[in-house]
């Protein structure tokens, strides 16, 4: 009997060591993370779970824990907009998420996200805090896994520590969530566990504790956003939105390279060089991604220049289309939009006046439905939308060179938000008109 009691004490002591991280974990510095290329090939889309202990320095800044692809693809487990999200793309282009309270700065917090093919759930320190129905209309995932970083993005990189990272090919239940957070003595949950990575401060490769599982390898994403690549011709994005279940098939669809009416201006005439510069939403041969394109029409020669591919927006959503304007020195400015806050937005400027061959990044963050207007000698008034539980009307201003930008300021937000349209008058003032989305009645 004494031997059994001693054995129980030993088991309890061994298990309690897993209840909260004893080691420091890997110190993610906002520049480097880890990746593994083949998890998506074995991860079941109709039932999986992810878990990790995290400690962040700043709980306000968006930060990525784990993701397959970009934040709106396959699945993502991350801190964003004051909550930790378990996001699942139930079908290509459509996703939902369950949300939990954010961690306190510098405090280890355990999160578990589950998805059973119907509902996503998220647990914080073993307690269910959020769930969301997400219909599944896919059979597999498509993108490689990154940990603490997002390939190709400067934003959302983890600054803090993370350890005891696990992935299962099934949805764990509430009792298992409590066990993982260490509230009770538990036996290791190994059924259909496909990955278990315990991190340490000096790691360059993190061994997978699951036999036959793939190790994590240190990874520094490519952060060169601008491509500045010439293309030989013009190809606009085709896009659709919301099935209408009638003879029209979709709410809207078709060739939407210059979409939408709230993206202005998309062309700007420069009398000094007698050219009209323009931008549009381009795509590749498979219409698989949105490329931001810049060109011009030369009124003297009657010819159009071969377009410059500025960047790949890594989505096929035409709401991310760019807009254009010129400053008083002839520099060309491109404002690269995002549909909502799930992707980054960019402001770029041509390296030379009246020249489309190369651009440099001037600002990155987030905005939607961009409408920039330049005031000679003063700078930009940048009218745009920012998603805050709906669509709010905002603006920013810049110095004359566009190297400094003000904080975002709100012009209107009530009920469920607005769409807006604006235009400049004689370089003196900008007028703004907007609608209202009545609370609870939706956008349509």
Protein backbone atom coordinates (compact mmCIF):
# COMPACT_ATOMS: atom_id res chain seq x y z
CA UNK A 1 0.00 0.00 0.00
CA UNK A 2 2.85 2.37 0.90
CA UNK A 3 4.51 1.60 -2.44
CA UNK A 4 1.31 2.50 -4.32
CA UNK A 5 0.95 5.72 -2.33
CA UNK A 6 4.58 6.67 -3.06
CA UNK A 7 4.05 5.88 -6.75
CA UNK A 8 0.98 8.14 -6.81
CA UNK A 9 2.98 10.95 -5.25
CA UNK A 10 5.71 10.44 -7.86
CA UNK A 11 3.15 10.54 -10.70
CA UNK A 12 1.58 13.68 -9.24
CA UNK A 13 4.99 15.36 -8.95
CA UNK A 14 5.90 14.41 -12.50
CA UNK A 15 2.59 15.67 -13.87
CA UNK A 16 2.68 18.92 -11.90
CA UNK A 17 5.94 19.74 -13.65
CA UNK A 18 3.90 20.00 -16.87
CA UNK A 19 1.12 22.06 -15.26
CA UNK A 20 2.93 25.37 -15.81
CA UNK A 21 6.17 26.10 -17.67
CA UNK A 22 9.22 25.77 -15.47
CA UNK A 23 11.67 26.73 -18.19
CA UNK A 24 11.78 30.14 -19.88
CA UNK A 25 10.48 28.88 -23.21
CA UNK A 26 11.76 30.26 -26.51
CA UNK A 27 12.10 34.10 -26.46
CA UNK A 28 10.44 35.18 -29.71
CA UNK A 29 11.94 38.54 -30.68
CA UNK A 30 9.46 39.76 -33.30
CA UNK A 31 11.77 38.79 -36.17
CA UNK A 32 12.34 35.04 -35.97
CA UNK A 33 10.14 32.01 -35.42
CA UNK A 34 9.89 28.37 -36.47
CA UNK A 35 8.32 26.44 -39.32
CA UNK A 36 7.43 22.91 -40.36
CA UNK A 37 6.46 22.09 -43.91
CA UNK A 38 4.31 18.96 -43.70
CA UNK A 39 1.82 19.32 -40.81
CA UNK A 40 -0.94 20.46 -43.18
CA UNK A 41 -0.67 17.18 -45.08
CA UNK A 42 -1.57 15.10 -42.01
CA UNK A 43 -3.77 17.51 -40.05
CA UNK A 44 -7.47 16.61 -40.25
CA UNK A 45 -9.63 19.53 -41.36
CA UNK A 46 -12.73 18.00 -39.76
CA UNK A 47 -11.30 17.66 -36.26
CA UNK A 48 -8.16 19.04 -34.62
CA UNK A 49 -6.86 20.93 -31.58
CA UNK A 50 -3.91 23.23 -30.87
CA UNK A 51 -2.53 24.30 -27.48
CA UNK A 52 0.33 26.34 -26.06
CA UNK A 53 1.58 28.21 -23.02
CA UNK A 54 2.27 31.84 -23.95
CA UNK A 55 3.74 34.87 -22.19
CA UNK A 56 3.69 38.17 -24.06
CA UNK A 57 5.39 41.47 -23.27
CA UNK A 58 2.53 43.50 -24.75
CA UNK A 59 -1.02 42.14 -24.86
CA UNK A 60 -2.32 44.98 -27.07
CA UNK A 61 -0.18 44.43 -30.18
CA UNK A 62 -1.45 41.70 -32.58
CA UNK A 63 0.77 38.61 -32.38
CA UNK A 64 0.79 35.18 -34.00
CA UNK A 65 1.14 31.92 -32.06
CA UNK A 66 0.56 29.31 -34.81
CA UNK A 67 -0.80 29.59 -38.33
CA UNK A 68 -1.15 27.59 -41.53
CA UNK A 69 -0.51 30.22 -44.21
CA UNK A 70 -1.82 33.75 -43.73
CA UNK A 71 -4.13 34.64 -40.80
CA UNK A 72 -7.31 34.06 -42.83
CA UNK A 73 -6.22 30.73 -44.35
CA UNK A 74 -6.60 27.15 -43.04
CA UNK A 75 -6.35 27.95 -39.32
CA UNK A 76 -4.68 30.54 -37.08
CA UNK A 77 -4.15 30.69 -33.32
CA UNK A 78 -3.27 34.26 -32.40
CA UNK A 79 -3.71 37.43 -30.37
CA UNK A 80 -5.63 40.12 -32.22
CA UNK A 81 -7.80 43.14 -31.40
CA UNK A 82 -7.91 42.47 -27.66
CA UNK A 83 -8.60 38.73 -27.85
CA UNK A 84 -6.93 35.39 -28.57
CA UNK A 85 -8.62 33.80 -31.60
CA UNK A 86 -9.05 30.26 -32.81
CA UNK A 87 -9.71 30.96 -36.51
CA UNK A 88 -10.73 28.29 -39.01
CA UNK A 89 -11.26 28.71 -42.75
CA UNK A 90 -14.25 26.38 -43.16
CA UNK A 91 -14.25 26.79 -46.91
CA UNK A 92 -11.89 28.66 -49.25
CA UNK A 93 -12.29 32.38 -48.68
CA UNK A 94 -14.68 32.04 -45.72
CA UNK A 95 -13.64 31.80 -42.09
CA UNK A 96 -14.87 32.29 -38.55
CA UNK A 97 -13.28 32.38 -35.14
CA UNK A 98 -13.86 31.78 -31.44
CA UNK A 99 -12.35 34.36 -29.08
CA UNK A 100 -10.98 34.36 -25.52
CA UNK A 101 -9.66 37.06 -23.23
CA UNK A 102 -6.07 38.17 -23.91
CA UNK A 103 -3.20 37.19 -21.58
CA UNK A 104 -1.92 39.60 -18.98
CA UNK A 105 1.53 40.94 -19.91
CA UNK A 106 4.42 38.86 -18.60
CA UNK A 107 2.09 36.18 -17.19
CA UNK A 108 2.12 32.60 -18.47
CA UNK A 109 -1.33 31.75 -19.85
CA UNK A 110 -2.54 28.50 -21.38
CA UNK A 111 -4.73 28.48 -24.50
CA UNK A 112 -6.41 25.56 -26.23
CA UNK A 113 -8.29 25.84 -29.52
CA UNK A 114 -10.46 23.03 -30.88
CA UNK A 115 -12.51 22.43 -34.03
CA UNK A 116 -14.79 19.41 -34.61
CA UNK A 117 -15.87 20.17 -38.17
CA UNK A 118 -18.82 22.26 -36.97
CA UNK A 119 -17.76 24.49 -34.09
CA UNK A 120 -14.54 26.21 -33.08
CA UNK A 121 -13.91 26.58 -29.33
CA UNK A 122 -11.20 28.29 -27.32
CA UNK A 123 -10.20 27.69 -23.70
CA UNK A 124 -8.16 30.03 -21.50
CA UNK A 125 -6.42 28.38 -18.55
CA UNK A 126 -8.72 25.38 -18.94
CA UNK A 127 -11.99 27.35 -19.07
CA UNK A 128 -14.14 27.62 -22.21
CA UNK A 129 -14.39 31.31 -23.13
CA UNK A 130 -15.60 31.35 -26.71
CA UNK A 131 -17.17 29.26 -29.43
CA UNK A 132 -18.34 29.88 -32.98
CA UNK A 133 -20.18 27.73 -35.53
CA UNK A 134 -18.07 27.35 -38.68
CA UNK A 135 -19.50 25.13 -41.46
CA UNK A 136 -16.90 22.85 -43.05
CA UNK A 137 -16.79 22.62 -46.85
CA UNK A 138 -13.25 21.37 -47.41
CA UNK A 139 -11.39 18.09 -46.95
CA UNK A 140 -7.82 19.18 -46.31
CA UNK A 141 -5.51 22.05 -45.43
CA UNK A 142 -3.06 23.54 -47.91
CA UNK A 143 -0.39 25.67 -46.24
CA UNK A 144 2.74 24.99 -44.15
CA UNK A 145 2.81 25.79 -40.44
CA UNK A 146 4.73 28.71 -38.96
CA UNK A 147 5.14 29.37 -35.24
CA UNK A 148 5.51 32.89 -33.84
CA UNK A 149 5.73 34.49 -37.30
CA UNK A 150 3.84 34.88 -40.58
CA UNK A 151 5.68 34.38 -43.83
CA UNK A 152 5.95 37.62 -45.78
CA UNK A 153 4.54 39.91 -43.08
CA UNK A 154 6.23 42.37 -40.77
CA UNK A 155 3.18 42.67 -38.52
CA UNK A 156 1.91 40.26 -35.87
CA UNK A 157 5.24 38.64 -35.02
CA UNK A 158 5.34 37.29 -31.49
CA UNK A 159 7.32 39.23 -28.89
CA UNK A 160 7.37 37.06 -25.81
CA UNK A 161 7.77 33.39 -24.92
CA UNK A 162 5.89 30.25 -25.91
CA UNK A 163 6.33 26.60 -25.00
CA UNK A 164 4.54 23.24 -24.65
CA UNK A 165 3.04 23.56 -28.14
CA UNK A 166 0.75 20.65 -29.09
CA UNK A 167 -1.44 19.64 -32.03
CA UNK A 168 -3.99 16.78 -32.11
CA UNK A 169 -6.01 15.22 -34.90
CA UNK A 170 -9.19 15.44 -32.86
CA UNK A 171 -11.18 17.98 -30.89
CA UNK A 172 -10.31 17.77 -27.17
CA UNK A 173 -13.14 18.09 -24.63
CA UNK A 174 -13.61 20.36 -21.61
CA UNK A 175 -12.12 17.86 -19.14
CA UNK A 176 -8.97 17.56 -21.23
CA UNK A 177 -8.78 21.35 -21.41
CA UNK A 178 -8.72 21.53 -17.61
CA UNK A 179 -6.08 18.82 -17.46
CA UNK A 180 -3.84 20.61 -19.94
CA UNK A 181 -3.97 23.80 -17.90
CA UNK A 182 -2.86 21.79 -14.86
CA UNK A 183 -5.92 22.14 -12.64
CA UNK A 184 -6.05 18.39 -12.00
CA UNK A 185 -3.67 15.45 -12.02
CA UNK A 186 -3.79 13.97 -15.52
CA UNK A 187 -2.20 11.37 -17.69
CA UNK A 188 -0.58 12.77 -20.85
CA UNK A 189 -3.15 13.18 -23.62
CA UNK A 190 -1.47 11.22 -26.38
CA UNK A 191 -4.40 9.88 -28.41
CA UNK A 192 -4.01 11.27 -31.95
CA UNK A 193 -1.34 13.71 -30.79
CA UNK A 194 0.70 14.52 -33.89
CA UNK A 195 3.01 17.23 -32.53
CA UNK A 196 4.47 18.19 -29.15
CA UNK A 197 7.22 20.79 -29.09
CA UNK A 198 8.77 21.84 -25.78
CA UNK A 199 10.84 24.97 -26.40
CA UNK A 200 14.00 26.30 -24.74
CA UNK A 201 15.80 29.67 -25.02
CA UNK A 202 18.69 28.37 -27.15
CA UNK A 203 16.70 26.31 -29.67
CA UNK A 204 17.48 26.34 -33.37
CA UNK A 205 15.62 23.06 -33.93
CA UNK A 206 12.83 21.90 -31.63
CA UNK A 207 12.41 18.14 -31.46
CA UNK A 208 8.93 16.71 -31.88
CA UNK A 209 8.25 14.48 -28.86
CA UNK A 210 5.76 12.45 -30.89
CA UNK A 211 7.51 9.49 -32.47
CA UNK A 212 7.80 10.02 -36.21
CA UNK A 213 6.67 13.63 -35.94
CA UNK A 214 8.47 16.49 -37.68
CA UNK A 215 10.77 18.87 -35.82
CA UNK A 216 10.38 22.65 -35.83
CA UNK A 217 13.16 24.50 -37.62
CA UNK A 218 14.19 28.09 -36.92
CA UNK A 219 12.75 30.35 -39.55
CA UNK A 220 13.11 34.00 -40.50
CA UNK A 221 10.37 35.01 -42.93
CA UNK A 222 11.00 36.99 -46.07
CA UNK A 223 9.80 40.48 -45.23
CA UNK A 224 10.34 42.10 -48.61
CA UNK A 225 6.81 43.29 -49.27
CA UNK A 226 7.38 45.18 -52.53
CA UNK A 227 8.10 43.17 -55.66
CA UNK A 228 8.75 45.97 -58.20
CA UNK A 229 8.47 43.44 -61.02
CA UNK A 230 7.53 44.24 -64.63
CA UNK A 231 4.80 42.22 -66.34
CA UNK A 232 4.29 41.93 -70.09
CA UNK A 233 0.55 42.56 -70.14
CA UNK A 234 -2.67 43.34 -68.29
CA UNK A 235 -4.80 40.83 -66.41
CA UNK A 236 -7.45 42.03 -63.94
CA UNK A 237 -8.76 40.11 -60.93
CA UNK A 238 -12.12 38.28 -61.17
CA UNK A 239 -14.01 38.11 -57.90
CA UNK A 240 -17.41 37.20 -56.45
CA UNK A 241 -19.10 37.89 -53.14
CA UNK A 242 -22.06 36.30 -51.33
CA UNK A 243 -24.25 33.76 -53.18
CA UNK A 244 -27.70 35.31 -53.72
CA UNK A 245 -29.57 32.02 -54.36
CA UNK A 246 -31.45 33.53 -57.29
CA UNK A 247 -30.95 34.06 -61.04
CA UNK A 248 -28.13 36.54 -60.38
CA UNK A 249 -26.10 33.84 -58.56
CA UNK A 250 -23.96 36.30 -56.54
CA UNK A 251 -24.52 39.63 -54.81
CA UNK A 252 -21.85 40.90 -57.22
CA UNK A 253 -19.23 39.23 -59.37
CA UNK A 254 -17.11 39.58 -62.47
CA UNK A 255 -14.01 41.43 -63.57
CA UNK A 256 -13.38 43.71 -60.59
CA UNK A 257 -9.90 45.06 -61.25
CA UNK A 258 -11.11 48.61 -60.50
CA UNK A 259 -13.49 47.68 -57.70
CA UNK A 260 -14.94 49.36 -55.71
CA UNK A 261 -16.69 52.75 -55.82
CA UNK A 262 -15.23 53.55 -52.39
CA UNK A 263 -11.67 53.09 -53.68
CA UNK A 264 -10.68 56.48 -55.12
CA UNK A 265 -8.79 57.67 -57.05
CA UNK A 266 -7.56 54.81 -59.22
CA UNK A 267 -6.17 57.15 -61.89
CA UNK A 268 -4.52 60.58 -61.76
CA UNK A 269 -3.51 62.88 -64.61
CA UNK A 270 -0.13 64.62 -64.41
CA UNK A 271 -0.12 67.59 -66.87
CA UNK A 272 3.64 68.14 -66.38
CA UNK A 273 4.44 64.91 -68.24
CA UNK A 274 1.08 64.57 -70.05
CA UNK A 275 0.48 61.13 -68.59
CA UNK A 276 -2.40 59.56 -66.68
CA UNK A 277 -1.08 57.20 -64.04
CA UNK A 278 -3.36 54.41 -62.86
CA UNK A 279 -3.46 51.33 -60.67
CA UNK A 280 -5.67 48.23 -60.61
CA UNK A 281 -6.13 44.83 -59.04
CA UNK A 282 -4.30 42.32 -61.21
CA UNK A 283 -3.86 38.59 -60.89
CA UNK A 284 -1.88 35.61 -62.13
CA UNK A 285 -2.87 33.15 -64.86
CA UNK A 286 -4.98 31.10 -62.41
CA UNK A 287 -6.73 34.09 -60.80
CA UNK A 288 -5.37 32.75 -57.51
CA UNK A 289 -4.04 35.93 -55.92
CA UNK A 290 -4.43 39.71 -56.04
CA UNK A 291 -1.48 41.64 -57.49
CA UNK A 292 -1.27 45.42 -57.08
CA UNK A 293 -0.40 46.86 -60.50
CA UNK A 294 0.72 50.33 -61.63
CA UNK A 295 0.93 51.75 -65.16
CA UNK A 296 0.24 54.94 -67.15
CA UNK A 297 -1.22 56.17 -70.43
CA UNK A 298 1.07 58.49 -72.35
CA UNK A 299 -1.17 61.08 -74.05
CA UNK A 300 1.69 62.20 -76.31
CA UNK A 301 2.41 58.78 -77.81
CA UNK A 302 -1.03 57.26 -77.29
CA UNK A 303 0.56 54.18 -75.71
CA UNK A 304 0.21 52.39 -72.38
CA UNK A 305 3.30 51.37 -70.38
CA UNK A 306 3.92 47.78 -69.38
CA UNK A 307 2.62 47.51 -65.80
CA UNK A 308 4.74 47.23 -62.69
CA UNK A 309 3.66 44.56 -60.19
CA UNK A 310 4.04 46.35 -56.89
CA UNK A 311 3.11 43.56 -54.45
CA UNK A 312 1.20 40.32 -53.95
CA UNK A 313 -1.67 40.87 -51.49
CA UNK A 314 -1.91 37.09 -50.82
CA UNK A 315 -5.69 37.02 -51.24
CA UNK A 316 -8.15 36.94 -54.16
CA UNK A 317 -10.44 39.49 -52.48
CA UNK A 318 -10.91 42.54 -54.72
CA UNK A 319 -11.74 44.62 -51.64
CA UNK A 320 -7.95 44.77 -51.23
CA UNK A 321 -7.53 46.72 -54.48
CA UNK A 322 -5.13 49.71 -54.45
CA UNK A 323 -5.64 53.42 -55.15
CA UNK A 324 -3.23 56.06 -56.47
CA UNK A 325 -2.33 59.73 -56.13
CA UNK A 326 0.60 62.05 -56.87
CA UNK A 327 2.23 64.66 -54.63
CA UNK A 328 3.38 68.12 -55.69
CA UNK A 329 6.85 66.83 -56.63
CA UNK A 330 5.51 64.16 -58.98
CA UNK A 331 6.08 61.13 -56.75
CA UNK A 332 3.48 58.40 -57.31
CA UNK A 333 1.77 57.06 -54.19
CA UNK A 334 -0.01 53.71 -53.96
CA UNK A 335 -2.34 52.95 -51.05
CA UNK A 336 -2.79 49.16 -50.77
CA UNK A 337 -6.06 48.36 -49.01
CA UNK A 338 -7.29 45.43 -46.92
CA UNK A 339 -10.80 44.04 -46.47
CA UNK A 340 -11.20 44.34 -42.72
CA UNK A 341 -8.36 43.91 -40.25
CA UNK A 342 -7.27 40.38 -41.14
CA UNK A 343 -4.46 41.47 -43.51
CA UNK A 344 -1.88 44.28 -43.51
CA UNK A 345 -2.21 47.44 -45.61
CA UNK A 346 0.63 49.46 -47.13
CA UNK A 347 1.48 52.92 -48.40
CA UNK A 348 4.22 53.01 -51.06
CA UNK A 349 5.92 55.83 -53.01
CA UNK A 350 7.79 55.76 -56.30
CA UNK A 351 11.55 56.04 -56.01
CA UNK A 352 11.60 58.71 -58.76
CA UNK A 353 9.01 61.35 -59.73
CA UNK A 354 6.63 60.39 -62.54
CA UNK A 355 8.26 56.94 -62.73
CA UNK A 356 6.66 53.52 -62.14
CA UNK A 357 9.77 51.33 -62.28
CA UNK A 358 10.38 51.04 -58.52
CA UNK A 359 8.56 51.89 -55.29
CA UNK A 360 9.58 52.04 -51.63
CA UNK A 361 7.47 51.22 -48.59
CA UNK A 362 6.50 54.31 -46.56
CA UNK A 363 3.96 52.98 -44.02
CA UNK A 364 2.37 49.67 -43.03
CA UNK A 365 -0.61 48.96 -40.80
CA UNK A 366 -4.26 48.52 -41.65
CA UNK A 367 -7.01 50.40 -43.49
CA UNK A 368 -9.93 49.70 -45.83
CA UNK A 369 -11.67 51.63 -48.64
CA UNK A 370 -8.82 54.16 -49.10
CA UNK A 371 -9.41 57.72 -50.40
CA UNK A 372 -6.16 59.78 -50.27
CA UNK A 373 -5.97 63.47 -51.27
CA UNK A 374 -2.78 65.51 -51.46
CA UNK A 375 -2.64 69.20 -50.49
CA UNK A 376 0.40 70.93 -52.08
CA UNK A 377 2.94 72.02 -49.49
CA UNK A 378 0.95 70.40 -46.66
CA UNK A 379 0.71 66.65 -47.27
CA UNK A 380 -1.97 63.99 -47.48
CA UNK A 381 -5.43 63.92 -46.01
CA UNK A 382 -6.10 60.18 -46.06
CA UNK A 383 -9.79 59.36 -45.67
CA UNK A 384 -10.44 55.66 -45.08
CA UNK A 385 -12.49 53.04 -43.26
CA UNK A 386 -11.28 51.14 -40.21
CA UNK A 387 -13.19 48.12 -38.93
CA UNK A 388 -14.32 48.54 -35.31
CA UNK A 389 -17.21 46.09 -34.75
CA UNK A 390 -18.40 47.30 -38.12
CA UNK A 391 -17.12 50.06 -40.39
CA UNK A 392 -15.98 53.37 -38.93
CA UNK A 393 -15.01 56.54 -40.83
CA UNK A 394 -11.47 57.74 -40.10
CA UNK A 395 -8.67 59.88 -41.48
CA UNK A 396 -4.91 60.38 -41.10
CA UNK A 397 -2.66 63.23 -42.25
CA UNK A 398 0.98 63.32 -43.31
CA UNK A 399 3.79 65.83 -43.55
CA UNK A 400 4.53 67.20 -47.08
CA UNK A 401 7.06 64.41 -47.77
CA UNK A 402 4.78 61.61 -46.55
CA UNK A 403 7.46 60.35 -44.17
CA UNK A 404 5.43 61.04 -41.02
CA UNK A 405 1.80 60.10 -40.44
CA UNK A 406 -0.58 61.19 -37.71
CA UNK A 407 -2.56 58.93 -35.42
CA UNK A 408 -5.86 57.73 -36.86
CA UNK A 409 -8.79 60.05 -36.03
CA UNK A 410 -12.48 59.21 -36.19
CA UNK A 411 -14.96 61.29 -38.16
CA UNK A 412 -18.06 59.14 -37.63
CA UNK A 413 -19.12 55.85 -36.08
CA UNK A 414 -22.60 55.05 -34.79
CA UNK A 415 -25.10 52.19 -34.97
CA UNK A 416 -23.32 49.49 -37.04
CA UNK A 417 -21.09 51.89 -38.95
CA UNK A 418 -20.90 53.38 -42.42
CA UNK A 419 -19.64 53.40 -45.96
CA UNK A 420 -18.28 56.73 -47.16
CA UNK A 421 -17.27 58.56 -50.32
CA UNK A 422 -15.16 61.72 -50.53
CA UNK A 423 -13.58 64.13 -52.99
CA UNK A 424 -11.25 67.10 -53.00
CA UNK A 425 -12.29 70.62 -54.04
CA UNK A 426 -9.73 73.07 -55.48
CA UNK A 427 -6.95 71.90 -53.14
CA UNK A 428 -8.82 73.67 -50.36
CA UNK A 429 -11.12 71.17 -48.70
CA UNK A 430 -12.41 67.61 -48.89
CA UNK A 431 -16.08 66.72 -48.66
CA UNK A 432 -17.25 63.42 -47.19
CA UNK A 433 -20.67 61.76 -47.54
CA UNK A 434 -21.62 58.55 -45.76
CA UNK A 435 -24.52 56.22 -45.11
CA UNK A 436 -25.61 54.49 -41.94
CA UNK A 437 -25.92 50.76 -41.28
CA UNK A 438 -28.83 50.44 -38.80
CA UNK A 439 -28.00 48.36 -35.76
CA UNK A 440 -28.95 44.70 -36.17
CA UNK A 441 -30.07 44.99 -39.81
CA UNK A 442 -26.81 44.14 -41.58
CA UNK A 443 -25.14 45.67 -44.61
CA UNK A 444 -27.72 44.81 -47.27
